[in-house]
Protein backbone atom coordinates (compact mmCIF):
# COMPACT_ATOMS: atom_id res chain seq x y z
CA MET A 1 6.16 -37.15 281.72
CA GLU A 2 2.58 -36.22 282.05
CA LYS A 3 1.65 -33.46 279.65
CA THR A 4 -0.25 -30.40 281.80
CA ASN A 5 -3.73 -29.48 280.09
CA PHE A 6 -4.35 -26.00 279.43
CA ILE A 7 -7.49 -26.38 277.56
CA ASN A 8 -10.76 -28.25 278.25
CA ILE A 9 -11.44 -29.30 274.68
CA PRO A 10 -11.81 -32.76 274.15
CA SER A 11 -11.29 -32.91 270.36
CA LEU A 12 -8.12 -30.62 270.56
CA GLU A 13 -6.91 -32.89 273.28
CA LYS A 14 -6.74 -35.63 271.06
CA SER A 15 -4.29 -34.01 268.59
CA LEU A 16 -2.04 -36.99 268.14
CA ILE A 17 0.48 -34.50 266.74
CA TYR A 18 0.56 -32.00 269.17
CA ASP A 19 0.92 -35.14 271.61
CA TRP A 20 3.88 -36.58 269.90
CA SER A 21 5.63 -33.46 269.92
CA PHE A 22 5.32 -32.58 272.81
CA GLY A 23 6.39 -35.82 274.08
CA ARG A 24 9.94 -35.76 272.08
CA ILE A 25 10.60 -32.01 273.64
CA ALA A 26 9.75 -32.62 277.15
CA THR A 27 12.65 -35.29 276.65
CA LEU A 28 14.79 -32.11 276.76
CA GLY A 29 14.17 -31.62 280.47
CA LEU A 30 11.86 -28.23 279.46
CA PRO A 31 9.31 -27.12 281.92
CA ASP A 32 5.84 -27.76 280.28
CA GLU A 33 4.86 -24.29 279.99
CA LEU A 34 8.14 -23.74 277.80
CA THR A 35 7.61 -27.56 276.23
CA HIS A 36 4.21 -26.41 275.64
CA VAL A 37 5.24 -23.26 273.86
CA VAL A 38 8.31 -25.07 271.64
CA ALA A 39 5.74 -27.61 270.38
CA SER A 40 3.16 -25.20 269.61
CA SER A 41 5.59 -22.73 267.53
CA LEU A 42 7.54 -25.64 265.92
CA LEU A 43 4.04 -27.21 264.55
CA LEU A 44 2.75 -23.30 263.61
CA LEU A 45 6.08 -22.90 261.58
CA ALA A 46 5.62 -26.61 259.69
CA THR A 47 2.05 -26.36 258.88
CA LEU A 48 2.66 -23.15 257.70
CA ILE A 49 5.20 -24.54 255.26
CA LEU A 50 2.69 -27.52 254.62
CA LEU A 51 -0.01 -24.45 253.88
CA LEU A 52 2.14 -22.49 251.41
CA THR A 53 3.37 -26.21 249.92
CA ALA A 54 -0.28 -27.17 249.81
CA ASP A 55 -1.29 -23.92 247.86
CA PHE A 56 1.52 -24.17 245.14
CA ILE A 57 0.82 -27.92 244.78
CA SER A 58 -3.31 -27.25 244.70
CA ARG A 59 -1.61 -24.13 241.80
CA LYS A 60 1.13 -26.33 239.66
CA ILE A 61 -1.88 -29.22 239.71
CA ILE A 62 -4.58 -27.04 238.35
CA LYS A 63 -3.28 -24.78 236.05
CA ALA A 64 -0.99 -28.55 234.44
CA VAL A 65 -4.64 -29.97 234.40
CA PHE A 66 -6.87 -27.37 233.20
CA VAL A 67 -5.09 -25.17 231.41
CA LYS A 68 -4.13 -27.87 229.36
CA LEU A 69 -7.77 -29.15 228.99
CA ILE A 70 -8.42 -25.14 228.10
CA LYS A 71 -6.23 -24.38 225.50
CA ARG A 72 -6.95 -28.13 223.71
CA THR A 73 -10.27 -26.98 222.70
CA THR A 74 -11.39 -24.90 220.27
CA ALA A 75 -13.89 -23.10 222.21
CA THR A 76 -13.37 -19.76 223.33
CA TRP A 77 -15.62 -19.48 226.51
CA ASP A 78 -13.64 -21.75 228.61
CA ASP A 79 -10.77 -18.64 227.85
CA LYS A 80 -12.68 -16.50 229.99
CA LEU A 81 -12.05 -18.91 233.12
CA LEU A 82 -8.20 -17.90 233.08
CA ASP A 83 -8.94 -14.12 231.89
CA ASN A 84 -11.04 -14.11 235.29
CA LYS A 85 -8.09 -16.52 237.46
CA VAL A 86 -11.02 -18.12 238.19
CA LEU A 87 -8.22 -21.52 238.81
CA ASN A 88 -6.30 -19.29 241.25
CA HIS A 89 -9.09 -18.88 243.44
CA LEU A 90 -10.22 -22.09 243.35
CA SER A 91 -6.44 -22.66 244.42
CA HIS A 92 -6.18 -20.93 247.01
CA LEU A 93 -9.64 -23.07 249.10
CA ILE A 94 -7.40 -25.83 249.30
CA PRO A 95 -5.05 -24.41 252.01
CA ALA A 96 -7.69 -22.40 253.98
CA PHE A 97 -10.08 -25.32 254.34
CA LEU A 98 -6.48 -27.40 255.61
CA ALA A 99 -5.87 -24.34 257.92
CA GLN A 100 -9.36 -24.86 259.78
CA GLN A 101 -8.08 -28.37 260.22
CA LEU A 102 -4.05 -28.00 260.99
CA LEU A 103 -4.09 -24.83 263.18
CA PRO A 104 -6.34 -24.97 265.95
CA ALA A 105 -4.94 -28.09 267.46
CA ILE A 106 -1.36 -26.63 267.34
CA PHE A 107 -2.76 -23.64 269.65
CA ILE A 108 -4.39 -25.69 271.99
CA GLY A 109 -2.99 -24.42 274.99
CA PHE A 110 -4.14 -20.94 273.53
CA PRO A 111 -8.42 -21.36 274.38
CA ASN A 112 -8.82 -17.47 273.74
CA PHE A 113 -6.48 -17.24 270.80
CA THR A 114 -7.67 -20.42 269.23
CA ALA A 115 -11.23 -19.26 269.24
CA LEU A 116 -10.11 -16.06 267.45
CA LEU A 117 -8.01 -18.04 264.86
CA ILE A 118 -11.03 -20.57 264.47
CA LYS A 119 -13.42 -17.22 263.51
CA GLY A 120 -10.53 -15.75 261.41
CA LEU A 121 -10.23 -18.82 259.40
CA SER A 122 -13.54 -18.85 258.61
CA VAL A 123 -14.38 -15.41 258.01
CA ILE A 124 -11.19 -16.21 255.48
CA THR A 125 -12.63 -18.56 253.82
CA THR A 126 -15.64 -17.26 253.52
CA ILE A 127 -14.00 -14.16 251.30
CA LEU A 128 -12.15 -16.87 249.38
CA VAL A 129 -15.54 -18.37 248.19
CA PHE A 130 -17.07 -14.59 247.40
CA GLN A 131 -13.60 -14.29 245.55
CA LEU A 132 -14.40 -17.48 243.56
CA PHE A 133 -18.50 -16.54 242.93
CA ASN A 134 -17.13 -13.24 241.89
CA ALA A 135 -14.85 -14.82 239.00
CA LEU A 136 -16.64 -16.67 238.10
CA LEU A 137 -19.70 -14.18 237.59
CA LYS A 138 -17.43 -11.29 235.51
CA THR A 139 -16.52 -15.23 233.36
CA ALA A 140 -20.55 -15.37 232.70
CA ARG A 141 -20.57 -11.29 231.95
CA ASP A 142 -17.38 -12.21 229.37
CA ILE A 143 -19.07 -14.91 227.83
CA LEU A 144 -22.63 -13.44 227.20
CA LYS A 145 -21.29 -10.42 226.15
CA THR A 146 -19.74 -12.60 222.90
CA SER A 147 -23.52 -13.67 222.21
CA LYS A 148 -25.53 -12.40 219.70
CA ALA A 149 -28.65 -12.43 222.00
CA PHE A 150 -26.82 -10.19 224.58
CA ALA A 151 -24.02 -8.48 222.82
CA ASP A 152 -26.11 -5.20 223.62
CA LYS A 153 -27.85 -5.86 226.89
CA PRO A 154 -26.76 -3.80 229.87
CA ILE A 155 -24.81 -7.30 231.69
CA ASP A 156 -23.05 -5.13 234.13
CA SER A 157 -25.89 -3.80 235.73
CA TYR A 158 -26.39 -7.69 236.22
CA LEU A 159 -23.22 -8.53 237.64
CA GLN A 160 -23.25 -5.88 239.90
CA VAL A 161 -26.37 -6.70 241.39
CA ALA A 162 -25.77 -10.47 241.64
CA GLN A 163 -21.94 -9.11 243.12
CA LEU A 164 -24.02 -6.83 245.56
CA PHE A 165 -26.54 -9.86 246.71
CA PHE A 166 -23.43 -12.24 247.20
CA MET A 167 -21.78 -9.76 249.15
CA PHE A 168 -25.21 -9.10 251.70
CA VAL A 169 -25.02 -13.15 252.07
CA CYS A 170 -20.95 -12.74 252.45
CA GLY A 171 -21.55 -10.11 254.47
CA THR A 172 -24.47 -11.37 256.86
CA ILE A 173 -22.24 -14.71 257.23
CA ILE A 174 -19.26 -13.13 258.47
CA PHE A 175 -21.35 -11.25 260.97
CA SER A 176 -23.18 -14.32 261.92
CA ILE A 177 -18.78 -15.63 262.56
CA VAL A 178 -18.18 -13.01 264.50
CA THR A 179 -20.64 -12.41 266.93
CA GLY A 180 -20.99 -15.63 267.23
CA ASN A 181 -25.55 -15.38 266.94
CA SER A 182 -27.58 -15.92 264.11
CA PRO A 183 -27.75 -14.70 260.57
CA TRP A 184 -31.72 -13.36 261.35
CA SER A 185 -30.61 -11.15 264.52
CA PHE A 186 -28.05 -9.30 261.70
CA LEU A 187 -31.39 -9.47 259.14
CA VAL A 188 -34.07 -7.96 262.01
CA SER A 189 -31.11 -5.40 263.28
CA LEU A 190 -31.29 -4.28 259.28
CA GLY A 191 -34.49 -4.35 259.30
CA ALA A 192 -34.80 -1.69 262.17
CA ALA A 193 -31.82 -0.02 260.06
CA SER A 194 -33.42 0.37 256.69
CA ALA A 195 -34.57 3.89 256.34
CA ILE A 196 -30.74 4.91 257.15
CA LEU A 197 -29.96 2.09 254.33
CA MET A 198 -32.74 3.42 252.03
CA LEU A 199 -31.01 7.29 252.36
CA VAL A 200 -27.18 6.21 252.02
CA PHE A 201 -27.45 3.60 249.08
CA LYS A 202 -30.59 5.56 247.36
CA ASP A 203 -28.46 6.20 244.11
CA THR A 204 -27.71 2.72 243.83
CA ILE A 205 -31.11 1.43 244.73
CA LEU A 206 -32.32 3.98 242.03
CA GLY A 207 -30.12 2.96 239.31
CA PHE A 208 -31.33 -0.65 240.00
CA VAL A 209 -34.24 0.25 239.40
CA ALA A 210 -33.88 2.14 236.06
CA SER A 211 -31.21 -0.46 234.41
CA ILE A 212 -34.21 -2.90 234.71
CA GLN A 213 -36.68 -0.61 233.55
CA VAL A 214 -34.26 0.28 230.77
CA SER A 215 -33.40 -2.85 229.78
CA ALA A 216 -37.23 -4.31 229.74
CA ASN A 217 -38.06 -1.15 227.51
CA ASP A 218 -35.15 -1.44 225.37
CA SER A 219 -34.55 2.30 225.16
CA VAL A 220 -30.73 2.36 225.30
CA ARG A 221 -28.58 -0.37 224.12
CA VAL A 222 -24.21 -0.84 224.55
CA GLY A 223 -23.55 0.67 221.06
CA ASP A 224 -26.31 3.26 220.93
CA TRP A 225 -25.87 6.51 219.26
CA VAL A 226 -27.77 8.71 222.02
CA GLU A 227 -28.31 12.70 222.32
CA MET A 228 -28.38 14.33 225.76
CA ALA A 229 -27.62 17.82 225.65
CA LYS A 230 -28.02 18.62 229.03
CA TYR A 231 -25.17 16.17 230.11
CA GLY A 232 -22.88 17.43 226.90
CA ALA A 233 -23.27 13.76 225.62
CA ASP A 234 -23.67 13.22 222.08
CA GLY A 235 -22.02 9.46 221.12
CA ASP A 236 -22.00 5.42 221.75
CA VAL A 237 -22.81 3.98 224.68
CA ILE A 238 -20.12 2.13 225.31
CA GLN A 239 -21.31 0.70 229.06
CA ILE A 240 -24.06 0.62 231.15
CA ASN A 241 -23.99 -0.10 234.40
CA LEU A 242 -25.57 -0.05 237.60
CA ASN A 243 -24.99 3.75 238.86
CA ASN A 244 -24.27 5.14 235.31
CA VAL A 245 -24.05 4.58 231.73
CA LYS A 246 -21.13 6.17 229.77
CA VAL A 247 -21.16 7.91 226.52
CA GLN A 248 -18.25 7.69 224.59
CA ASN A 249 -18.50 11.22 222.18
CA PHE A 250 -17.29 11.81 219.03
CA ASP A 251 -14.56 13.08 219.85
CA LYS A 252 -13.41 10.55 221.93
CA THR A 253 -14.38 11.96 225.71
CA ILE A 254 -15.93 9.83 227.65
CA VAL A 255 -19.45 11.30 229.76
CA SER A 256 -21.10 9.43 232.65
CA ILE A 257 -24.45 10.02 232.81
CA PRO A 258 -26.30 8.52 235.63
CA THR A 259 -28.62 5.38 234.86
CA HIS A 260 -31.75 6.93 236.77
CA THR A 261 -31.58 9.85 234.64
CA LEU A 262 -32.61 7.89 231.32
CA LEU A 263 -35.97 7.39 233.00
CA THR A 264 -36.03 11.28 234.36
CA ASP A 265 -35.04 13.18 231.77
CA SER A 266 -35.38 13.14 228.08
CA PHE A 267 -32.77 11.87 225.18
CA LYS A 268 -32.59 11.30 221.92
CA ASN A 269 -31.87 7.86 220.64
CA TYR A 270 -30.28 7.05 217.18
CA ARG A 271 -31.00 3.10 216.87
CA GLY A 272 -34.36 3.49 215.08
CA MET A 273 -32.68 5.78 212.52
CA ARG A 274 -30.03 3.06 211.53
CA GLN A 275 -32.67 0.60 211.53
CA PHE A 276 -34.71 2.21 209.45
CA GLY A 277 -31.01 2.20 206.96
CA GLY A 278 -31.35 6.06 206.03
CA ARG A 279 -30.32 8.73 207.54
CA ARG A 280 -32.60 11.85 207.41
CA ILE A 281 -32.19 15.12 204.96
CA LYS A 282 -33.93 18.14 206.00
CA ARG A 283 -32.14 21.42 204.49
CA ALA A 284 -33.73 24.93 203.26
CA ILE A 285 -32.33 27.31 200.66
CA ASN A 286 -33.18 30.78 201.24
CA ILE A 287 -34.45 32.28 198.02
CA LYS A 288 -34.91 36.34 197.74
CA ILE A 289 -38.71 36.75 197.15
CA SER A 290 -37.74 39.91 194.79
CA SER A 291 -36.22 37.16 192.68
CA ILE A 292 -38.89 35.05 192.12
CA ARG A 293 -41.35 36.06 188.63
CA TYR A 294 -42.79 34.64 185.85
CA LEU A 295 -40.89 33.34 182.56
CA ASP A 296 -41.67 34.28 179.15
CA GLU A 297 -41.68 31.88 176.06
CA GLU A 298 -37.72 32.79 175.43
CA GLU A 299 -36.59 31.38 179.23
CA ILE A 300 -38.72 28.80 178.93
CA LYS A 301 -37.49 27.60 175.65
CA ASN A 302 -33.26 28.16 177.05
CA LEU A 303 -34.61 25.61 179.93
CA ARG A 304 -36.14 23.18 177.99
CA ARG A 305 -32.24 22.57 177.56
CA ILE A 306 -32.38 21.03 180.70
CA ASP A 307 -32.85 17.06 180.20
CA LEU A 308 -34.38 16.54 184.23
CA LEU A 309 -36.60 19.40 183.17
CA ALA A 310 -37.74 18.69 179.12
CA PRO A 311 -40.47 16.33 179.91
CA TYR A 312 -42.22 17.99 182.88
CA ILE A 313 -42.01 21.40 181.31
CA GLU A 314 -43.60 20.00 177.78
CA GLU A 315 -46.98 18.36 180.09
CA ARG A 316 -46.70 21.49 181.86
CA GLN A 317 -47.17 23.50 179.23
CA GLN A 318 -49.97 21.46 177.45
CA GLU A 319 -51.87 21.60 181.25
CA ILE A 320 -51.75 25.48 181.04
CA GLU A 321 -52.34 25.93 178.05
CA GLN A 322 -55.53 23.76 178.10
CA TYR A 323 -56.12 25.73 181.06
CA ASN A 324 -55.75 29.55 180.01
CA GLN A 325 -57.83 28.14 176.76
CA ASP A 326 -61.01 26.45 178.99
CA VAL A 327 -61.26 29.90 181.21
CA GLN A 328 -60.13 32.15 178.18
CA ALA A 329 -57.69 34.30 180.22
CA ASP A 330 -56.41 37.56 178.63
CA ALA A 331 -52.89 37.02 177.74
CA ALA A 332 -51.67 40.69 177.57
CA MET A 333 -52.06 40.37 181.09
CA PRO A 334 -49.37 37.81 183.03
CA VAL A 335 -51.60 37.51 186.46
CA ASN A 336 -54.76 36.33 184.36
CA GLY A 337 -54.80 32.79 184.09
CA ARG A 338 -51.41 30.07 184.77
CA ARG A 339 -47.81 31.00 184.46
CA MET A 340 -44.54 29.76 184.77
CA THR A 341 -42.70 30.69 187.57
CA ASN A 342 -38.84 30.53 187.77
CA ILE A 343 -39.56 29.44 191.26
CA GLY A 344 -42.11 26.55 190.11
CA LEU A 345 -39.49 24.75 187.76
CA PHE A 346 -36.89 24.91 190.30
CA ARG A 347 -38.40 23.46 192.36
CA ALA A 348 -38.98 20.61 190.25
CA TYR A 349 -35.99 20.77 188.85
CA ILE A 350 -34.66 19.80 192.39
CA THR A 351 -37.32 16.78 192.93
CA ARG A 352 -36.14 14.97 190.05
CA TYR A 353 -32.43 15.63 190.92
CA ILE A 354 -32.59 13.90 193.69
CA GLN A 355 -34.98 10.91 192.31
CA ASN A 356 -32.56 10.65 189.79
CA ASN A 357 -29.54 10.63 192.81
CA PRO A 358 -28.23 7.19 193.84
CA ASN A 359 -26.59 8.15 196.82
CA VAL A 360 -30.78 9.14 197.92
CA HIS A 361 -33.05 6.21 199.24
CA GLN A 362 -35.42 6.24 196.22
CA ASP A 363 -38.42 4.23 198.46
CA ARG A 364 -38.51 6.74 201.67
CA MET A 365 -40.22 10.03 202.01
CA LEU A 366 -38.94 12.22 199.26
CA MET A 367 -40.21 16.10 199.17
CA VAL A 368 -39.51 19.88 197.82
CA ARG A 369 -41.48 22.31 200.03
CA GLN A 370 -42.41 25.80 200.34
CA LEU A 371 -42.09 26.94 203.80
CA ALA A 372 -44.06 29.85 205.23
CA PRO A 373 -41.47 32.99 204.01
CA THR A 374 -39.97 35.21 206.10
CA GLU A 375 -37.35 38.34 206.67
CA HIS A 376 -34.68 36.03 205.34
CA GLY A 377 -36.61 34.85 202.50
CA LEU A 378 -38.56 32.04 200.99
CA PRO A 379 -37.33 28.73 202.72
CA LEU A 380 -37.36 26.18 200.18
CA GLU A 381 -36.98 23.29 201.98
CA LEU A 382 -35.80 19.48 200.95
CA TYR A 383 -37.03 16.81 202.65
CA MET A 384 -34.98 13.14 202.03
CA PHE A 385 -33.50 10.72 202.93
CA ALA A 386 -29.83 9.34 202.35
CA ALA A 387 -28.80 6.24 201.40
CA SER A 388 -26.62 4.89 204.36
CA THR A 389 -26.48 6.13 207.90
CA GLU A 390 -22.24 5.80 207.62
CA TRP A 391 -21.73 9.52 208.65
CA ILE A 392 -18.77 10.66 206.21
CA PHE A 393 -21.51 9.20 202.93
CA TYR A 394 -24.60 10.98 204.70
CA GLU A 395 -22.28 14.44 204.94
CA ASN A 396 -20.66 13.97 201.01
CA THR A 397 -24.38 13.33 200.23
CA MET A 398 -26.05 15.90 201.69
CA ALA A 399 -22.86 18.45 200.64
CA ASN A 400 -22.60 17.08 197.03
CA ILE A 401 -26.61 18.45 196.58
CA PHE A 402 -26.69 21.50 197.45
CA ASP A 403 -23.15 21.77 196.09
CA HIS A 404 -24.59 21.46 192.59
CA LEU A 405 -28.39 23.31 193.66
CA PHE A 406 -25.99 26.83 194.42
CA ALA A 407 -24.29 26.74 191.55
CA ALA A 408 -27.63 25.75 189.28
CA ILE A 409 -30.05 28.22 190.95
CA LYS A 410 -28.87 31.67 188.92
CA TYR A 411 -29.63 29.14 185.66
CA PHE A 412 -33.14 29.86 186.83
CA ASP A 413 -32.48 33.94 187.48
CA LEU A 414 -33.55 33.30 191.19
CA GLU A 415 -30.74 34.17 194.17
CA VAL A 416 -30.18 33.20 197.30
CA PHE A 417 -31.12 35.38 199.98
CA GLU A 418 -27.99 36.56 202.23
CA LEU A 419 -27.30 39.62 204.55
CA PRO A 420 -25.35 41.96 203.34
CA ALA A 421 -22.03 41.72 202.74
CA SER A 422 -19.04 44.38 202.59
CA ASP A 423 -19.23 44.81 198.85
CA ASP A 424 -23.07 44.88 198.46
CA LEU A 425 -22.65 47.81 200.81
CA ARG A 426 -19.53 49.42 198.42
CA GLN A 427 -21.94 49.24 195.37
CA LEU A 428 -24.43 50.73 196.97
CA LEU A 429 -22.29 53.38 198.63
CA LYS A 430 -21.11 53.99 194.70
CA ALA A 431 -24.14 54.09 193.16
CA GLN A 432 -25.62 56.83 195.29
CA PHE A 433 -22.42 59.07 194.84
CA THR A 434 -22.68 58.30 190.95
CA LYS A 435 -26.15 59.97 191.09
CA ASN A 436 -25.59 62.61 193.92
CA ASN A 437 -22.64 63.90 191.49
CA ALA A 438 -23.42 63.20 188.37
CA ASP A 439 -24.87 66.54 187.75
CA ARG A 440 -22.25 68.38 189.47
CA TYR A 441 -18.86 67.04 187.58
CA SER A 442 -18.64 66.06 183.33
CA PRO A 443 -18.90 62.45 183.02
CA GLU A 444 -14.76 61.73 183.06
CA VAL A 445 -14.59 63.12 185.87
CA SER A 446 -17.46 61.33 187.96
CA GLU A 447 -15.76 58.11 186.39
CA ASN A 448 -12.41 58.96 188.47
CA LEU A 449 -14.40 59.80 191.04
CA GLN A 450 -15.67 56.12 191.26
């Protein structure tokens, strides 16, 4: 029986499989149209089974060969291929290529459907190729993150830029396949719509430019401790990508900051402090000004018992005596010449105390200074660096120093300024009450009233 020609596609008419199937089914005495439908359906079913079998076999073969090789090696970079399913995406391409060769020959009698099928298979193959490249990019990202040279670089930003590029290429190819036009026509039309694209992808473009500048200027790295009060960020950078920077605060909350704001807004990066090897301690003790005075000989003699101060007092006293003798200062008036003060000796004691503290950097700036007096007293500021940037060590070091100084200040007959507390007010009222009633009542009554 002669086969009816339904389409005029020479390459498909020469399909030996279809001719053989059509001839076998035609022996049943069915009409040509029904014979064609039955032959095409059976071939379609057989092809689908073949493709599924090819996909299964290809995955098994690829995994059997490559997985064993990967597991036998001592390197860890090839394990990333398995983690990102590169082998799975590679195995899916084999049945896709087979489908492009077999399926058009089956639907030889349906020209419109065959043309649509060819386009659909080409689109699917393009998407599968993109997925394979995407998996390879993720693998490269994971491998680079294990390298010390790239551990603190914004690898995710680079990955997203590459993904956007491949997505654009894939989209252009798919547009060309679906429309049947040259990719250049799509690019020309895209240029006309560039203003709209700039508006739609404004944040992405800003983030892309910002991520490049941040990486080039080395202003932020993954692992840096940054502080950006405007966005409530105070913690470690855990990810830098195209659109945002993720910061994990110390309370374990995560803040997302737009990448481009790292160029437009100010922020504090503590990386320099960590590289410096010490964290600054800058805190003041407010001294009550009325407690500052000259010291007499007995008080100086008593303070000589402090081991850290003894050499300083000896040297300082000789210097003062020599100066007073040279200027012939009248010792009857304390303001004549030079005298030791309790605030001066306390400042000298603090300096020597922190100079002998092993938890303070001795090769960094170390200073005890007076700031301008305020309504809260005279600030005596300590400026130094803890020997470690570790947070707990820093806090403990600072607390231990000031614990000691608050306890030692009374031996210099100084007072720390603080606003009146409730017991201060009670003492004041009690003293005023006693003064006002001293003449009206006997001492025994006054004592009872108190």
